[in-house]
Amino acid sequence: MAKRPVLARNDHAATWLQAWEDLGRAPRTLDAHARGPAEYLALREREAVDPLSAGRPQVRVFVRELTSRPHRRGVNVVSIESGVGLANATI
């Protein structure tokens, strides 16, 4: 969790990730499963919204961000609806 300190600051996220680690998941699997929650929690911190009290409007903001951001692997990876952003399966 040192790589994603935002998870360590959230007891629920830290417990969830620890459970995955206790199951003996590979480091890359842990990283893949931690990436989304870490980004979501970071957004909630930036907007000063408690993630446990966040509702649909806050989740929509996060999903909208995911569908509009450039993909880190380049412009060839696109979502079906938007032409940019992460793949629908990733979201």
PDB file of N, CA and C in Angstrom:
ATOM      1  N   MET A   1       0.812  -1.190   0.000  1.00  0.00           N
ATOM      2  CA  MET A   1       0.000   0.000   0.000  1.00  0.00           C
ATOM      3  C   MET A   1       0.856   1.255   0.000  1.00  0.00           C
ATOM      4  N   ALA A   2       2.139   1.060   0.179  1.00  0.00           N
ATOM      5  CA  ALA A   2       3.016   2.224   0.147  1.00  0.00           C
ATOM      6  C   ALA A   2       2.940   2.919  -1.206  1.00  0.00           C
ATOM      7  N   LYS A   3       2.655   2.140  -2.244  1.00  0.00           N
ATOM      8  CA  LYS A   3       2.548   2.710  -3.580  1.00  0.00           C
ATOM      9  C   LYS A   3       1.285   3.564  -3.720  1.00  0.00           C
ATOM     10  N   ARG A   4       0.263   3.245  -2.954  1.00  0.00           N
ATOM     11  CA  ARG A   4      -1.011   3.959  -3.007  1.00  0.00           C
ATOM     12  C   ARG A   4      -1.436   4.352  -1.592  1.00  0.00           C
ATOM     13  N   PRO A   5      -0.838   5.408  -1.045  1.00  0.00           N
ATOM     14  CA  PRO A   5      -1.123   5.794   0.343  1.00  0.00           C
ATOM     15  C   PRO A   5      -2.583   6.163   0.594  1.00  0.00           C
ATOM     16  N   VAL A   6      -3.311   6.557  -0.453  1.00  0.00           N
ATOM     17  CA  VAL A   6      -4.721   6.900  -0.264  1.00  0.00           C
ATOM     18  C   VAL A   6      -5.493   5.677   0.239  1.00  0.00           C
ATOM     19  N   LEU A   7      -5.085   4.472  -0.133  1.00  0.00           N
ATOM     20  CA  LEU A   7      -5.746   3.261   0.352  1.00  0.00           C
ATOM     21  C   LEU A   7      -5.468   3.042   1.825  1.00  0.00           C
ATOM     22  N   ALA A   8      -4.268   3.362   2.257  1.00  0.00           N
ATOM     23  CA  ALA A   8      -3.909   3.195   3.666  1.00  0.00           C
ATOM     24  C   ALA A   8      -4.687   4.163   4.556  1.00  0.00           C
ATOM     25  N   ARG A   9      -5.079   5.301   3.998  1.00  0.00           N
ATOM     26  CA  ARG A   9      -5.833   6.279   4.782  1.00  0.00           C
ATOM     27  C   ARG A   9      -7.307   5.909   4.928  1.00  0.00           C
ATOM     28  N   ASN A  10      -7.749   4.903   4.202  1.00  0.00           N
ATOM     29  CA  ASN A  10      -9.142   4.466   4.259  1.00  0.00           C
ATOM     30  C   ASN A  10      -9.185   3.048   4.813  1.00  0.00           C
ATOM     31  N   ASP A  11      -9.721   2.891   6.014  1.00  0.00           N
ATOM     32  CA  ASP A  11      -9.722   1.585   6.676  1.00  0.00           C
ATOM     33  C   ASP A  11     -10.388   0.497   5.843  1.00  0.00           C
ATOM     34  N   HIS A  12     -11.512   0.814   5.220  1.00  0.00           N
ATOM     35  CA  HIS A  12     -12.224  -0.193   4.423  1.00  0.00           C
ATOM     36  C   HIS A  12     -11.383  -0.643   3.228  1.00  0.00           C
ATOM     37  N   ALA A  13     -10.768   0.293   2.545  1.00  0.00           N
ATOM     38  CA  ALA A  13      -9.944  -0.039   1.390  1.00  0.00           C
ATOM     39  C   ALA A  13      -8.711  -0.820   1.813  1.00  0.00           C
ATOM     40  N   ALA A  14      -8.101  -0.410   2.918  1.00  0.00           N
ATOM     41  CA  ALA A  14      -6.907  -1.106   3.407  1.00  0.00           C
ATOM     42  C   ALA A  14      -7.233  -2.555   3.785  1.00  0.00           C
ATOM     43  N   THR A  15      -8.365  -2.758   4.444  1.00  0.00           N
ATOM     44  CA  THR A  15      -8.776  -4.103   4.826  1.00  0.00           C
ATOM     45  C   THR A  15      -9.068  -4.949   3.597  1.00  0.00           C
ATOM     46  N   TRP A  16      -9.744  -4.361   2.623  1.00  0.00           N
ATOM     47  CA  TRP A  16     -10.073  -5.070   1.388  1.00  0.00           C
ATOM     48  C   TRP A  16      -8.808  -5.502   0.642  1.00  0.00           C
ATOM     49  N   LEU A  17      -7.861  -4.575   0.521  1.00  0.00           N
ATOM     50  CA  LEU A  17      -6.623  -4.901  -0.189  1.00  0.00           C
ATOM     51  C   LEU A  17      -5.799  -5.920   0.588  1.00  0.00           C
ATOM     52  N   GLN A  18      -5.799  -5.823   1.910  1.00  0.00           N
ATOM     53  CA  GLN A  18      -5.076  -6.793   2.730  1.00  0.00           C
ATOM     54  C   GLN A  18      -5.648  -8.197   2.545  1.00  0.00           C
ATOM     55  N   ALA A  19      -6.958  -8.293   2.400  1.00  0.00           N
ATOM     56  CA  ALA A  19      -7.587  -9.598   2.162  1.00  0.00           C
ATOM     57  C   ALA A  19      -7.086 -10.208   0.859  1.00  0.00           C
ATOM     58  N   TRP A  20      -6.967  -9.393  -0.176  1.00  0.00           N
ATOM     59  CA  TRP A  20      -6.426  -9.882  -1.451  1.00  0.00           C
ATOM     60  C   TRP A  20      -4.980 -10.335  -1.287  1.00  0.00           C
ATOM     61  N   GLU A  21      -4.211  -9.555  -0.542  1.00  0.00           N
ATOM     62  CA  GLU A  21      -2.808  -9.910  -0.307  1.00  0.00           C
ATOM     63  C   GLU A  21      -2.708 -11.209   0.489  1.00  0.00           C
ATOM     64  N   ASP A  22      -3.567 -11.364   1.495  1.00  0.00           N
ATOM     65  CA  ASP A  22      -3.571 -12.580   2.314  1.00  0.00           C
ATOM     66  C   ASP A  22      -3.916 -13.822   1.496  1.00  0.00           C
ATOM     67  N   LEU A  23      -4.649 -13.636   0.420  1.00  0.00           N
ATOM     68  CA  LEU A  23      -4.980 -14.756  -0.460  1.00  0.00           C
ATOM     69  C   LEU A  23      -3.800 -15.151  -1.350  1.00  0.00           C
ATOM     70  N   GLY A  24      -2.715 -14.400  -1.244  1.00  0.00           N
ATOM     71  CA  GLY A  24      -1.509 -14.734  -1.994  1.00  0.00           C
ATOM     72  C   GLY A  24      -1.508 -14.255  -3.432  1.00  0.00           C
ATOM     73  N   ARG A  25      -2.273 -13.220  -3.700  1.00  0.00           N
ATOM     74  CA  ARG A  25      -2.316 -12.691  -5.062  1.00  0.00           C
ATOM     75  C   ARG A  25      -0.970 -12.085  -5.447  1.00  0.00           C
ATOM     76  N   ALA A  26      -0.661 -12.185  -6.707  1.00  0.00           N
ATOM     77  CA  ALA A  26       0.607 -11.668  -7.229  1.00  0.00           C
ATOM     78  C   ALA A  26       0.634 -10.146  -7.120  1.00  0.00           C
ATOM     79  N   PRO A  27       1.828  -9.567  -6.999  1.00  0.00           N
ATOM     80  CA  PRO A  27       1.944  -8.107  -6.885  1.00  0.00           C
ATOM     81  C   PRO A  27       1.252  -7.343  -8.012  1.00  0.00           C
ATOM     82  N   ARG A  28       1.349  -7.824  -9.237  1.00  0.00           N
ATOM     83  CA  ARG A  28       0.696  -7.116 -10.349  1.00  0.00           C
ATOM     84  C   ARG A  28      -0.826  -7.211 -10.254  1.00  0.00           C
ATOM     85  N   THR A  29      -1.329  -8.319  -9.755  1.00  0.00           N
ATOM     86  CA  THR A  29      -2.772  -8.461  -9.557  1.00  0.00           C
ATOM     87  C   THR A  29      -3.237  -7.491  -8.485  1.00  0.00           C
ATOM     88  N   LEU A  30      -2.483  -7.420  -7.397  1.00  0.00           N
ATOM     89  CA  LEU A  30      -2.819  -6.471  -6.332  1.00  0.00           C
ATOM     90  C   LEU A  30      -2.815  -5.043  -6.859  1.00  0.00           C
ATOM     91  N   ASP A  31      -1.810  -4.734  -7.656  1.00  0.00           N
ATOM     92  CA  ASP A  31      -1.719  -3.387  -8.212  1.00  0.00           C
ATOM     93  C   ASP A  31      -2.918  -3.088  -9.110  1.00  0.00           C
ATOM     94  N   ALA A  32      -3.294  -4.054  -9.927  1.00  0.00           N
ATOM     95  CA  ALA A  32      -4.429  -3.852 -10.826  1.00  0.00           C
ATOM     96  C   ALA A  32      -5.719  -3.651 -10.042  1.00  0.00           C
ATOM     97  N   HIS A  33      -5.913  -4.425  -8.986  1.00  0.00           N
ATOM     98  CA  HIS A  33      -7.131  -4.308  -8.186  1.00  0.00           C
ATOM     99  C   HIS A  33      -7.127  -3.062  -7.305  1.00  0.00           C
ATOM    100  N   ALA A  34      -5.962  -2.529  -7.006  1.00  0.00           N
ATOM    101  CA  ALA A  34      -5.864  -1.346  -6.150  1.00  0.00           C
ATOM    102  C   ALA A  34      -6.003  -0.047  -6.929  1.00  0.00           C
ATOM    103  N   ARG A  35      -5.695  -0.076  -8.198  1.00  0.00           N
ATOM    104  CA  ARG A  35      -5.656   1.155  -9.004  1.00  0.00           C
ATOM    105  C   ARG A  35      -6.995   1.892  -9.019  1.00  0.00           C
ATOM    106  N   GLY A  36      -8.070   1.212  -9.310  1.00  0.00           N
ATOM    107  CA  GLY A  36      -9.383   1.858  -9.394  1.00  0.00           C
ATOM    108  C   GLY A  36      -9.842   2.461  -8.079  1.00  0.00           C
ATOM    109  N   PRO A  37      -9.842   1.660  -6.994  1.00  0.00           N
ATOM    110  CA  PRO A  37     -10.243   2.242  -5.704  1.00  0.00           C
ATOM    111  C   PRO A  37      -9.354   3.408  -5.276  1.00  0.00           C
ATOM    112  N   ALA A  38      -8.061   3.315  -5.571  1.00  0.00           N
ATOM    113  CA  ALA A  38      -7.155   4.408  -5.195  1.00  0.00           C
ATOM    114  C   ALA A  38      -7.510   5.685  -5.948  1.00  0.00           C
ATOM    115  N   GLU A  39      -7.805   5.568  -7.229  1.00  0.00           N
ATOM    116  CA  GLU A  39      -8.179   6.746  -8.006  1.00  0.00           C
ATOM    117  C   GLU A  39      -9.507   7.325  -7.521  1.00  0.00           C
ATOM    118  N   TYR A  40     -10.453   6.433  -7.212  1.00  0.00           N
ATOM    119  CA  TYR A  40     -11.751   6.895  -6.718  1.00  0.00           C
ATOM    120  C   TYR A  40     -11.599   7.612  -5.380  1.00  0.00           C
ATOM    121  N   LEU A  41     -10.830   7.023  -4.465  1.00  0.00           N
ATOM    122  CA  LEU A  41     -10.633   7.644  -3.146  1.00  0.00           C
ATOM    123  C   LEU A  41      -9.887   8.968  -3.263  1.00  0.00           C
ATOM    124  N   ALA A  42      -8.929   9.041  -4.174  1.00  0.00           N
ATOM    125  CA  ALA A  42      -8.199  10.302  -4.378  1.00  0.00           C
ATOM    126  C   ALA A  42      -9.149  11.388  -4.876  1.00  0.00           C
ATOM    127  N   LEU A  43     -10.050  11.030  -5.790  1.00  0.00           N
ATOM    128  CA  LEU A  43     -11.033  11.998  -6.271  1.00  0.00           C
ATOM    129  C   LEU A  43     -11.942  12.447  -5.138  1.00  0.00           C
ATOM    130  N   ARG A  44     -12.391  11.522  -4.325  1.00  0.00           N
ATOM    131  CA  ARG A  44     -13.250  11.872  -3.182  1.00  0.00           C
ATOM    132  C   ARG A  44     -12.507  12.802  -2.227  1.00  0.00           C
ATOM    133  N   GLU A  45     -11.219  12.561  -2.003  1.00  0.00           N
ATOM    134  CA  GLU A  45     -10.432  13.462  -1.144  1.00  0.00           C
ATOM    135  C   GLU A  45     -10.338  14.852  -1.754  1.00  0.00           C
ATOM    136  N   ARG A  46     -10.057  14.926  -3.059  1.00  0.00           N
ATOM    137  CA  ARG A  46      -9.942  16.230  -3.733  1.00  0.00           C
ATOM    138  C   ARG A  46     -11.238  17.013  -3.629  1.00  0.00           C
ATOM    139  N   GLU A  47     -12.368  16.313  -3.686  1.00  0.00           N
ATOM    140  CA  GLU A  47     -13.666  16.980  -3.627  1.00  0.00           C
ATOM    141  C   GLU A  47     -14.219  17.068  -2.210  1.00  0.00           C
ATOM    142  N   ALA A  48     -13.445  16.592  -1.231  1.00  0.00           N
ATOM    143  CA  ALA A  48     -13.841  16.609   0.179  1.00  0.00           C
ATOM    144  C   ALA A  48     -15.192  15.931   0.405  1.00  0.00           C
ATOM    145  N   VAL A  49     -15.351  14.754  -0.208  1.00  0.00           N
ATOM    146  CA  VAL A  49     -16.567  13.964  -0.064  1.00  0.00           C
ATOM    147  C   VAL A  49     -16.196  12.637   0.586  1.00  0.00           C
ATOM    148  N   ASP A  50     -16.875  12.302   1.676  1.00  0.00           N
ATOM    149  CA  ASP A  50     -16.649  11.018   2.331  1.00  0.00           C
ATOM    150  C   ASP A  50     -17.061   9.907   1.374  1.00  0.00           C
ATOM    151  N   PRO A  51     -16.160   8.983   1.042  1.00  0.00           N
ATOM    152  CA  PRO A  51     -16.502   7.941   0.074  1.00  0.00           C
ATOM    153  C   PRO A  51     -17.669   7.058   0.526  1.00  0.00           C
ATOM    154  N   LEU A  52     -17.870   6.926   1.827  1.00  0.00           N
ATOM    155  CA  LEU A  52     -18.966   6.096   2.320  1.00  0.00           C
ATOM    156  C   LEU A  52     -20.311   6.788   2.198  1.00  0.00           C
ATOM    157  N   SER A  53     -20.306   8.109   2.087  1.00  0.00           N
ATOM    158  CA  SER A  53     -21.568   8.828   1.932  1.00  0.00           C
ATOM    159  C   SER A  53     -21.785   9.315   0.499  1.00  0.00           C
ATOM    160  N   ALA A  54     -20.825   9.020  -0.380  1.00  0.00           N
ATOM    161  CA  ALA A  54     -20.958   9.433  -1.775  1.00  0.00           C
ATOM    162  C   ALA A  54     -22.146   8.723  -2.411  1.00  0.00           C
ATOM    163  N   GLY A  55     -22.865   9.451  -3.219  1.00  0.00           N
ATOM    164  CA  GLY A  55     -24.027   8.889  -3.896  1.00  0.00           C
ATOM    165  C   GLY A  55     -23.802   8.792  -5.392  1.00  0.00           C
ATOM    166  N   ARG A  56     -24.870   8.556  -6.083  1.00  0.00           N
ATOM    167  CA  ARG A  56     -24.796   8.411  -7.535  1.00  0.00           C
ATOM    168  C   ARG A  56     -24.174   9.618  -8.229  1.00  0.00           C
ATOM    169  N   PRO A  57     -24.492  10.835  -7.824  1.00  0.00           N
ATOM    170  CA  PRO A  57     -23.870  11.982  -8.518  1.00  0.00           C
ATOM    171  C   PRO A  57     -22.340  11.951  -8.434  1.00  0.00           C
ATOM    172  N   GLN A  58     -21.808  11.577  -7.283  1.00  0.00           N
ATOM    173  CA  GLN A  58     -20.356  11.528  -7.134  1.00  0.00           C
ATOM    174  C   GLN A  58     -19.752  10.375  -7.947  1.00  0.00           C
ATOM    175  N   VAL A  59     -20.446   9.255  -7.989  1.00  0.00           N
ATOM    176  CA  VAL A  59     -19.960   8.117  -8.789  1.00  0.00           C
ATOM    177  C   VAL A  59     -20.000   8.483 -10.272  1.00  0.00           C
ATOM    178  N   ARG A  60     -21.048   9.194 -10.689  1.00  0.00           N
ATOM    179  CA  ARG A  60     -21.137   9.637 -12.083  1.00  0.00           C
ATOM    180  C   ARG A  60     -19.952  10.507 -12.477  1.00  0.00           C
ATOM    181  N   VAL A  61     -19.526  11.393 -11.579  1.00  0.00           N
ATOM    182  CA  VAL A  61     -18.366  12.252 -11.854  1.00  0.00           C
ATOM    183  C   VAL A  61     -17.136  11.391 -12.119  1.00  0.00           C
ATOM    184  N   PHE A  62     -16.951  10.361 -11.305  1.00  0.00           N
ATOM    185  CA  PHE A  62     -15.800   9.476 -11.461  1.00  0.00           C
ATOM    186  C   PHE A  62     -15.882   8.715 -12.786  1.00  0.00           C
ATOM    187  N   VAL A  63     -17.032   8.157 -13.096  1.00  0.00           N
ATOM    188  CA  VAL A  63     -17.194   7.410 -14.341  1.00  0.00           C
ATOM    189  C   VAL A  63     -16.998   8.332 -15.541  1.00  0.00           C
ATOM    190  N   ARG A  64     -17.541   9.534 -15.469  1.00  0.00           N
ATOM    191  CA  ARG A  64     -17.364  10.501 -16.560  1.00  0.00           C
ATOM    192  C   ARG A  64     -15.879  10.794 -16.769  1.00  0.00           C
ATOM    193  N   GLU A  65     -15.152  10.935 -15.673  1.00  0.00           N
ATOM    194  CA  GLU A  65     -13.713  11.187 -15.785  1.00  0.00           C
ATOM    195  C   GLU A  65     -13.016  10.007 -16.461  1.00  0.00           C
ATOM    196  N   LEU A  66     -13.385   8.796 -16.089  1.00  0.00           N
ATOM    197  CA  LEU A  66     -12.765   7.609 -16.684  1.00  0.00           C
ATOM    198  C   LEU A  66     -13.048   7.507 -18.179  1.00  0.00           C
ATOM    199  N   THR A  67     -14.239   7.894 -18.587  1.00  0.00           N
ATOM    200  CA  THR A  67     -14.585   7.782 -20.005  1.00  0.00           C
ATOM    201  C   THR A  67     -13.992   8.888 -20.861  1.00  0.00           C
ATOM    202  N   SER A  68     -13.487   9.942 -20.237  1.00  0.00           N
ATOM    203  CA  SER A  68     -12.965  11.051 -21.032  1.00  0.00           C
ATOM    204  C   SER A  68     -11.451  11.207 -20.962  1.00  0.00           C
ATOM    205  N   ARG A  69     -10.814  10.541 -20.031  1.00  0.00           N
ATOM    206  CA  ARG A  69      -9.364  10.715 -19.924  1.00  0.00           C
ATOM    207  C   ARG A  69      -8.624   9.953 -21.014  1.00  0.00           C
ATOM    208  N   PRO A  70      -7.479  10.463 -21.444  1.00  0.00           N
ATOM    209  CA  PRO A  70      -6.685   9.730 -22.433  1.00  0.00           C
ATOM    210  C   PRO A  70      -6.168   8.435 -21.823  1.00  0.00           C
ATOM    211  N   HIS A  71      -6.131   7.412 -22.622  1.00  0.00           N
ATOM    212  CA  HIS A  71      -5.629   6.125 -22.146  1.00  0.00           C
ATOM    213  C   HIS A  71      -4.116   6.195 -22.079  1.00  0.00           C
ATOM    214  N   ARG A  72      -3.543   5.616 -21.032  1.00  0.00           N
ATOM    215  CA  ARG A  72      -2.083   5.705 -20.844  1.00  0.00           C
ATOM    216  C   ARG A  72      -1.304   4.926 -21.896  1.00  0.00           C
ATOM    217  N   ARG A  73      -1.947   4.004 -22.598  1.00  0.00           N
ATOM    218  CA  ARG A  73      -1.259   3.240 -23.629  1.00  0.00           C
ATOM    219  C   ARG A  73      -1.404   3.855 -25.010  1.00  0.00           C
ATOM    220  N   GLY A  74      -2.090   4.967 -25.095  1.00  0.00           N
ATOM    221  CA  GLY A  74      -2.173   5.656 -26.372  1.00  0.00           C
ATOM    222  C   GLY A  74      -3.581   5.757 -26.909  1.00  0.00           C
ATOM    223  N   VAL A  75      -3.689   6.417 -28.042  1.00  0.00           N
ATOM    224  CA  VAL A  75      -4.993   6.723 -28.611  1.00  0.00           C
ATOM    225  C   VAL A  75      -5.659   5.521 -29.265  1.00  0.00           C
ATOM    226  N   ASN A  76      -4.951   4.427 -29.448  1.00  0.00           N
ATOM    227  CA  ASN A  76      -5.551   3.267 -30.094  1.00  0.00           C
ATOM    228  C   ASN A  76      -6.498   2.500 -29.182  1.00  0.00           C
ATOM    229  N   VAL A  77      -6.431   2.706 -27.875  1.00  0.00           N
ATOM    230  CA  VAL A  77      -7.325   2.037 -26.940  1.00  0.00           C
ATOM    231  C   VAL A  77      -8.428   3.021 -26.588  1.00  0.00           C
ATOM    232  N   VAL A  78      -9.636   2.696 -26.979  1.00  0.00           N
ATOM    233  CA  VAL A  78     -10.753   3.619 -26.781  1.00  0.00           C
ATOM    234  C   VAL A  78     -11.957   2.890 -26.211  1.00  0.00           C
ATOM    235  N   SER A  79     -12.835   3.634 -25.584  1.00  0.00           N
ATOM    236  CA  SER A  79     -14.104   3.066 -25.166  1.00  0.00           C
ATOM    237  C   SER A  79     -15.062   3.122 -26.345  1.00  0.00           C
ATOM    238  N   ILE A  80     -16.036   2.275 -26.340  1.00  0.00           N
ATOM    239  CA  ILE A  80     -16.940   2.177 -27.484  1.00  0.00           C
ATOM    240  C   ILE A  80     -17.716   3.472 -27.700  1.00  0.00           C
ATOM    241  N   GLU A  81     -18.253   4.048 -26.627  1.00  0.00           N
ATOM    242  CA  GLU A  81     -19.132   5.193 -26.793  1.00  0.00           C
ATOM    243  C   GLU A  81     -18.414   6.519 -27.008  1.00  0.00           C
ATOM    244  N   SER A  82     -17.274   6.713 -26.394  1.00  0.00           N
ATOM    245  CA  SER A  82     -16.701   8.047 -26.380  1.00  0.00           C
ATOM    246  C   SER A  82     -15.596   8.277 -27.387  1.00  0.00           C
ATOM    247  N   GLY A  83     -14.952   7.233 -27.847  1.00  0.00           N
ATOM    248  CA  GLY A  83     -13.818   7.417 -28.751  1.00  0.00           C
ATOM    249  C   GLY A  83     -12.535   7.752 -28.024  1.00  0.00           C
ATOM    250  N   VAL A  84     -12.594   7.938 -26.710  1.00  0.00           N
ATOM    251  CA  VAL A  84     -11.406   8.175 -25.890  1.00  0.00           C
ATOM    252  C   VAL A  84     -11.617   7.473 -24.554  1.00  0.00           C
ATOM    253  N   GLY A  85     -10.626   7.554 -23.705  1.00  0.00           N
ATOM    254  CA  GLY A  85     -10.789   7.049 -22.347  1.00  0.00           C
ATOM    255  C   GLY A  85     -10.514   5.580 -22.208  1.00  0.00           C
ATOM    256  N   LEU A  86     -10.872   5.044 -21.053  1.00  0.00           N
ATOM    257  CA  LEU A  86     -10.627   3.645 -20.764  1.00  0.00           C
ATOM    258  C   LEU A  86     -11.682   2.761 -21.413  1.00  0.00           C
ATOM    259  N   ALA A  87     -11.330   1.503 -21.598  1.00  0.00           N
ATOM    260  CA  ALA A  87     -12.265   0.552 -22.172  1.00  0.00           C
ATOM    261  C   ALA A  87     -13.433   0.338 -21.204  1.00  0.00           C
ATOM    262  N   ASN A  88     -14.585   0.028 -21.749  1.00  0.00           N
ATOM    263  CA  ASN A  88     -15.772  -0.180 -20.921  1.00  0.00           C
ATOM    264  C   ASN A  88     -15.548  -1.261 -19.875  1.00  0.00           C
ATOM    265  N   ALA A  89     -14.857  -2.340 -20.222  1.00  0.00           N
ATOM    266  CA  ALA A  89     -14.597  -3.413 -19.266  1.00  0.00           C
ATOM    267  C   ALA A  89     -13.743  -2.922 -18.105  1.00  0.00           C
ATOM    268  N   THR A  90     -12.831  -2.015 -18.369  1.00  0.00           N
ATOM    269  CA  THR A  90     -11.997  -1.449 -17.303  1.00  0.00           C
ATOM    270  C   THR A  90     -12.826  -0.579 -16.382  1.00  0.00           C
ATOM    271  N   ILE A  91     -13.690   0.217 -16.957  1.00  0.00           N
ATOM    272  CA  ILE A  91     -14.531   1.108 -16.166  1.00  0.00           C
ATOM    273  C   ILE A  91     -15.454   0.290 -15.310  1.00  0.00           C
TER     274      ILE A  91
END
